[in-house]
Amino acid sequence: MSSKKVLKELNEAVKFLQKQYKHTPQVGIVLGSGLSSFTDEIEIEKEVAYEDIPHFPVSTVEGHKSKMIFGKLGGKRVVAMAGRFHFYEGYEVEEVVFPIRVMKLLGIETILLSNAAGSVNPSYKVGDLMIINDHISLFTPNPLVGKNMAELGPRFPDMSEPYKQHLIQKAKTIAINNNYDLKEGVYLAVTGPTFETRAEYKMILTLGADVVGMSTVQEAIVANHMGLDVFAMSVVTDIGIREDHNIITHEEVLEAAKHAEPRLAFIFKELIAAI
């Protein structure tokens, strides 16, 4: 897709949403699989179905509501994506990251990303929350490949701090003050939709990752490209390296995310208030 076409479509989506919601959101939120009930925490002022937004894809994955939600949380105006888009759904990378660019152009300065992830760290257990302090993106297409759009960001964005340390420290303080056990580690992104083989899980651990998932990294890259402050958290919904021979199912992932959601919602709400 040409740069001119991308910018035109972004402008059309932004103008449409600005007519639906007159306020400027400060914080964007992306909710992962099984985490869409988080929106119950938001004082909702406007909901817009993805299918009504010009050039927006529609999420096809169970556990995603396919709505953009505007309102207040933690004393700030926020815009939340209740459902995201994945490369494995058949979307082009430009479509996967389109909403991140839209939220930035709507006025957000900070974005909070969440996801359901499989653990390869032997000390993690199902239900743990992990702050992402870095990622490995070698296994998914980089969304910035192609002609750079200088209007959105630089040709070679720095990725030495993809997840802002000042936000990580605030989240850790919130956790300590509320007796929450938060993990902190590296997220590795794969394309999916298959869950990883046993050999792949072992490789991922060897590469230095703690969890693996099928989202987030492309969004984080584009958010950094556009100068947003990024914070991300994984809910550990399954254990990749197992001694037994049982399998991983999407239903298992959704159920684990559902149980961990209240703690993630609390951290996000308090973090937004502290920004």
Protein backbone atom coordinates (compact mmCIF):
# COMPACT_ATOMS: atom_id res chain seq x y z
CA MET A 1 0.00 0.00 0.00
CA SER A 2 1.37 3.45 -0.91
CA SER A 3 2.24 5.95 1.80
CA LYS A 4 -0.25 8.40 0.38
CA LYS A 5 -3.04 5.82 0.60
CA VAL A 6 -2.14 4.86 4.19
CA LEU A 7 -2.14 8.50 5.31
CA LYS A 8 -5.45 9.14 3.53
CA GLU A 9 -7.10 6.16 5.23
CA LEU A 10 -5.70 7.14 8.64
CA ASN A 11 -7.04 10.66 8.20
CA GLU A 12 -10.49 9.37 7.26
CA ALA A 13 -10.65 7.04 10.27
CA VAL A 14 -9.48 9.76 12.66
CA LYS A 15 -11.96 12.33 11.34
CA PHE A 16 -14.79 9.82 11.69
CA LEU A 17 -13.89 9.02 15.30
CA GLN A 18 -13.46 12.68 16.21
CA LYS A 19 -17.05 13.23 15.14
CA GLN A 20 -18.14 10.36 17.38
CA TYR A 21 -16.16 11.53 20.42
CA LYS A 22 -15.28 15.17 20.93
CA HIS A 23 -12.68 14.78 23.67
CA THR A 24 -8.96 14.02 23.23
CA PRO A 25 -7.89 10.72 24.84
CA GLN A 26 -4.59 10.74 26.71
CA VAL A 27 -4.01 6.99 27.00
CA GLY A 28 -4.66 4.11 24.60
CA ILE A 29 -5.29 0.55 25.76
CA VAL A 30 -5.15 -2.67 23.73
CA LEU A 31 -6.82 -5.70 25.28
CA GLY A 32 -5.65 -9.21 24.47
CA SER A 33 -7.44 -12.55 24.28
CA GLY A 34 -9.94 -13.06 27.08
CA LEU A 35 -9.32 -9.60 28.55
CA SER A 36 -12.16 -7.63 26.97
CA SER A 37 -14.17 -7.52 30.22
CA PHE A 38 -11.56 -5.00 31.39
CA THR A 39 -13.79 -2.40 29.74
CA ASP A 40 -16.19 -2.77 32.68
CA GLU A 41 -13.66 -0.68 34.61
CA ILE A 42 -14.03 2.23 32.18
CA GLU A 43 -16.58 4.99 32.66
CA ILE A 44 -17.78 4.56 29.09
CA GLU A 45 -18.76 7.67 27.16
CA LYS A 46 -18.85 6.24 23.63
CA GLU A 47 -18.57 2.85 21.94
CA VAL A 48 -17.84 2.47 18.24
CA ALA A 49 -17.95 -0.89 16.47
CA TYR A 50 -14.89 -1.62 14.36
CA GLU A 51 -17.09 -2.35 11.38
CA ASP A 52 -18.34 1.26 11.45
CA ILE A 53 -14.86 2.84 11.40
CA PRO A 54 -13.50 3.57 7.91
CA HIS A 55 -10.72 1.14 6.88
CA PHE A 56 -10.75 -0.76 10.20
CA PRO A 57 -10.43 -4.53 10.10
CA VAL A 58 -12.76 -6.62 12.27
CA SER A 59 -11.37 -9.07 14.83
CA THR A 60 -12.24 -12.68 14.04
CA VAL A 61 -10.88 -14.31 17.21
CA GLU A 62 -13.00 -15.59 20.09
CA GLY A 63 -12.47 -13.47 23.20
CA HIS A 64 -12.29 -10.17 21.30
CA LYS A 65 -15.30 -7.80 21.28
CA SER A 66 -14.40 -5.70 18.20
CA LYS A 67 -15.21 -2.30 19.69
CA MET A 68 -13.33 0.92 20.25
CA ILE A 69 -14.34 2.33 23.62
CA PHE A 70 -13.92 5.94 24.76
CA GLY A 71 -14.29 7.12 28.34
CA LYS A 72 -12.58 7.78 31.64
CA LEU A 73 -10.32 5.58 33.73
CA GLY A 74 -7.99 6.52 36.55
CA GLY A 75 -8.93 10.16 36.13
CA LYS A 76 -7.79 10.22 32.49
CA ARG A 77 -9.59 10.09 29.18
CA VAL A 78 -8.81 6.82 27.47
CA VAL A 79 -9.53 4.95 24.28
CA ALA A 80 -9.53 1.16 24.50
CA MET A 81 -9.48 -1.48 21.82
CA ALA A 82 -11.66 -4.35 23.03
CA GLY A 83 -10.12 -6.80 20.61
CA ARG A 84 -7.06 -6.50 18.41
CA PHE A 85 -6.00 -7.75 15.00
CA HIS A 86 -3.44 -10.47 14.39
CA PHE A 87 -1.22 -11.26 11.44
CA TYR A 88 -2.43 -14.88 11.58
CA GLU A 89 -6.00 -13.78 10.83
CA GLY A 90 -4.84 -12.99 7.31
CA TYR A 91 -4.48 -9.25 7.71
CA GLU A 92 -1.60 -7.34 6.21
CA VAL A 93 0.85 -5.95 8.75
CA GLU A 94 -0.36 -2.43 7.89
CA GLU A 95 -3.86 -3.44 8.97
CA VAL A 96 -2.64 -4.97 12.23
CA VAL A 97 -1.02 -1.70 13.32
CA PHE A 98 -3.57 0.67 11.74
CA PRO A 99 -5.47 1.20 15.05
CA ILE A 100 -2.28 2.12 16.91
CA ARG A 101 -1.60 4.85 14.41
CA VAL A 102 -5.21 6.02 14.63
CA MET A 103 -5.03 6.28 18.43
CA LYS A 104 -1.82 8.30 18.23
CA LEU A 105 -3.41 10.69 15.74
CA LEU A 106 -6.43 11.00 18.04
CA GLY A 107 -4.05 12.45 20.62
CA ILE A 108 -2.84 9.69 22.96
CA GLU A 109 0.66 10.03 24.42
CA THR A 110 0.87 6.67 26.21
CA ILE A 111 -0.29 3.20 25.21
CA LEU A 112 -0.82 0.15 27.41
CA LEU A 113 -0.71 -3.22 25.67
CA SER A 114 -1.89 -6.53 27.10
CA ASN A 115 -1.81 -10.09 25.86
CA ALA A 116 -2.25 -13.73 26.75
CA ALA A 117 1.05 -15.57 26.53
CA GLY A 118 2.59 -18.98 27.00
CA SER A 119 5.43 -19.28 29.48
CA VAL A 120 8.78 -20.94 28.87
CA ASN A 121 10.26 -19.64 32.12
CA PRO A 122 10.22 -22.60 34.54
CA SER A 123 9.51 -20.33 37.51
CA TYR A 124 6.25 -18.99 36.04
CA LYS A 125 2.82 -20.48 36.56
CA VAL A 126 -0.59 -20.04 34.95
CA GLY A 127 -2.20 -16.80 36.11
CA ASP A 128 1.04 -14.89 36.63
CA LEU A 129 1.27 -11.33 35.33
CA MET A 130 4.51 -10.36 33.59
CA ILE A 131 5.67 -6.86 32.77
CA ILE A 132 7.34 -6.90 29.36
CA ASN A 133 10.67 -5.10 29.61
CA ASP A 134 11.93 -6.14 26.16
CA HIS A 135 10.96 -8.27 23.20
CA ILE A 136 12.34 -10.46 20.43
CA SER A 137 10.73 -9.75 17.07
CA LEU A 138 12.75 -11.87 14.66
CA PHE A 139 9.86 -14.22 13.86
CA THR A 140 7.22 -11.72 12.76
CA PRO A 141 7.19 -9.23 9.86
CA ASN A 142 8.37 -5.77 10.86
CA PRO A 143 5.54 -3.28 10.22
CA LEU A 144 7.99 -0.57 9.17
CA VAL A 145 9.34 -2.46 6.15
CA GLY A 146 8.80 -0.43 3.00
CA LYS A 147 8.95 3.27 2.29
CA ASN A 148 9.08 5.23 5.52
CA MET A 149 6.27 7.69 6.22
CA ALA A 150 8.16 10.61 7.71
CA GLU A 151 4.86 12.12 8.84
CA LEU A 152 4.54 9.22 11.30
CA GLY A 153 8.12 8.71 12.45
CA PRO A 154 11.82 8.28 11.54
CA ARG A 155 13.27 5.75 9.11
CA PHE A 156 15.36 4.05 11.80
CA PRO A 157 13.56 4.32 15.16
CA ASP A 158 15.59 3.49 18.26
CA MET A 159 14.39 0.36 20.07
CA SER A 160 16.80 0.31 23.00
CA GLU A 161 13.91 1.05 25.38
CA PRO A 162 10.75 -0.21 23.64
CA TYR A 163 8.88 -0.36 26.97
CA LYS A 164 9.42 2.75 29.07
CA GLN A 165 11.29 2.22 32.31
CA HIS A 166 9.46 5.00 34.12
CA LEU A 167 6.15 3.20 33.47
CA ILE A 168 7.63 -0.15 34.48
CA GLN A 169 8.84 1.33 37.76
CA LYS A 170 5.43 2.87 38.47
CA ALA A 171 3.75 -0.50 37.85
CA LYS A 172 6.21 -2.30 40.14
CA THR A 173 5.56 0.24 42.90
CA ILE A 174 1.80 -0.25 42.51
CA ALA A 175 2.29 -4.02 42.76
CA ILE A 176 4.47 -3.78 45.87
CA ASN A 177 2.01 -1.44 47.60
CA ASN A 178 -0.83 -3.88 46.96
CA ASN A 179 1.02 -7.15 47.63
CA TYR A 180 0.82 -8.26 43.99
CA ASP A 181 3.49 -10.58 42.65
CA LEU A 182 4.52 -9.27 39.23
CA LYS A 183 7.05 -10.99 37.02
CA GLU A 184 9.24 -9.05 34.61
CA GLY A 185 10.78 -10.42 31.44
CA VAL A 186 11.10 -10.78 27.69
CA TYR A 187 8.26 -11.48 25.25
CA LEU A 188 8.95 -13.30 21.99
CA ALA A 189 6.45 -12.87 19.16
CA VAL A 190 5.55 -15.55 16.64
CA THR A 191 3.02 -15.43 13.85
CA GLY A 192 0.69 -18.21 15.05
CA PRO A 193 -1.99 -19.45 14.78
CA THR A 194 -0.46 -22.78 15.82
CA PHE A 195 0.74 -23.09 19.36
CA GLU A 196 4.45 -23.84 19.42
CA THR A 197 5.97 -27.30 19.19
CA ARG A 198 7.93 -28.65 22.14
CA ALA A 199 11.18 -28.06 20.26
CA GLU A 200 10.15 -24.46 19.51
CA TYR A 201 9.37 -23.79 23.17
CA LYS A 202 12.86 -24.99 24.08
CA MET A 203 14.39 -22.79 21.37
CA ILE A 204 12.45 -19.76 22.64
CA LEU A 205 13.77 -20.33 26.15
CA THR A 206 17.32 -20.71 24.81
CA LEU A 207 17.00 -17.40 22.93
CA GLY A 208 16.35 -15.59 26.19
CA ALA A 209 12.59 -15.12 26.25
CA ASP A 210 10.30 -15.77 29.21
CA VAL A 211 6.97 -15.89 27.38
CA VAL A 212 5.76 -16.28 23.80
CA GLY A 213 2.69 -14.91 22.04
CA MET A 214 1.13 -13.96 18.72
CA SER A 215 0.66 -10.19 19.12
CA THR A 216 1.94 -6.99 20.76
CA VAL A 217 5.40 -6.64 19.18
CA GLN A 218 4.24 -5.14 15.89
CA GLU A 219 2.05 -2.72 17.83
CA ALA A 220 4.95 -1.79 20.11
CA ILE A 221 7.25 -1.15 17.15
CA VAL A 222 4.78 1.23 15.51
CA ALA A 223 4.02 2.94 18.81
CA ASN A 224 7.74 3.60 19.31
CA HIS A 225 8.03 4.77 15.72
CA MET A 226 5.36 7.39 16.45
CA GLY A 227 6.89 8.50 19.75
CA LEU A 228 4.41 6.94 22.16
CA ASP A 229 5.36 5.81 25.64
CA VAL A 230 4.67 2.06 25.76
CA PHE A 231 3.85 -0.23 28.67
CA ALA A 232 2.96 -3.89 28.12
CA MET A 233 1.91 -6.79 30.28
CA SER A 234 1.37 -10.49 29.61
CA VAL A 235 -1.02 -12.80 31.39
CA VAL A 236 0.55 -16.26 31.58
CA THR A 237 -2.29 -18.46 30.35
CA ASP A 238 -0.43 -21.69 29.64
CA ILE A 239 2.92 -23.37 30.24
CA GLY A 240 4.80 -24.21 27.08
CA ILE A 241 7.46 -26.55 28.44
CA ARG A 242 5.59 -29.37 30.16
CA GLU A 243 6.73 -32.68 31.53
CA ASP A 244 3.43 -34.34 30.66
CA HIS A 245 1.91 -34.75 27.20
CA ASN A 246 -1.30 -32.78 27.48
CA ILE A 247 -2.13 -30.17 24.85
CA ILE A 248 -2.84 -26.43 24.92
CA THR A 249 -6.25 -25.17 23.78
CA HIS A 250 -7.59 -21.68 23.09
CA GLU A 251 -10.36 -22.34 25.63
CA GLU A 252 -7.69 -22.93 28.29
CA VAL A 253 -6.06 -19.61 27.37
CA LEU A 254 -9.34 -17.67 27.61
CA GLU A 255 -10.22 -19.20 30.97
CA ALA A 256 -6.83 -18.38 32.48
CA ALA A 257 -7.01 -14.81 31.16
CA LYS A 258 -10.47 -14.38 32.67
CA HIS A 259 -9.22 -15.31 36.14
CA ALA A 260 -6.19 -12.99 35.93
CA GLU A 261 -8.09 -10.06 34.45
CA PRO A 262 -9.08 -8.30 37.72
CA ARG A 263 -5.43 -7.99 38.76
CA LEU A 264 -4.37 -6.72 35.35
CA ALA A 265 -7.26 -4.23 35.35
CA PHE A 266 -6.19 -2.93 38.76
CA ILE A 267 -2.57 -2.44 37.66
CA PHE A 268 -3.64 -0.66 34.47
CA LYS A 269 -6.12 1.58 36.28
CA GLU A 270 -3.60 2.60 38.94
CA LEU A 271 -0.87 3.10 36.35
CA ILE A 272 -3.08 5.39 34.29
CA ALA A 273 -3.88 7.39 37.42
CA ALA A 274 -0.15 7.71 38.13
CA ILE A 275 0.81 8.93 34.66
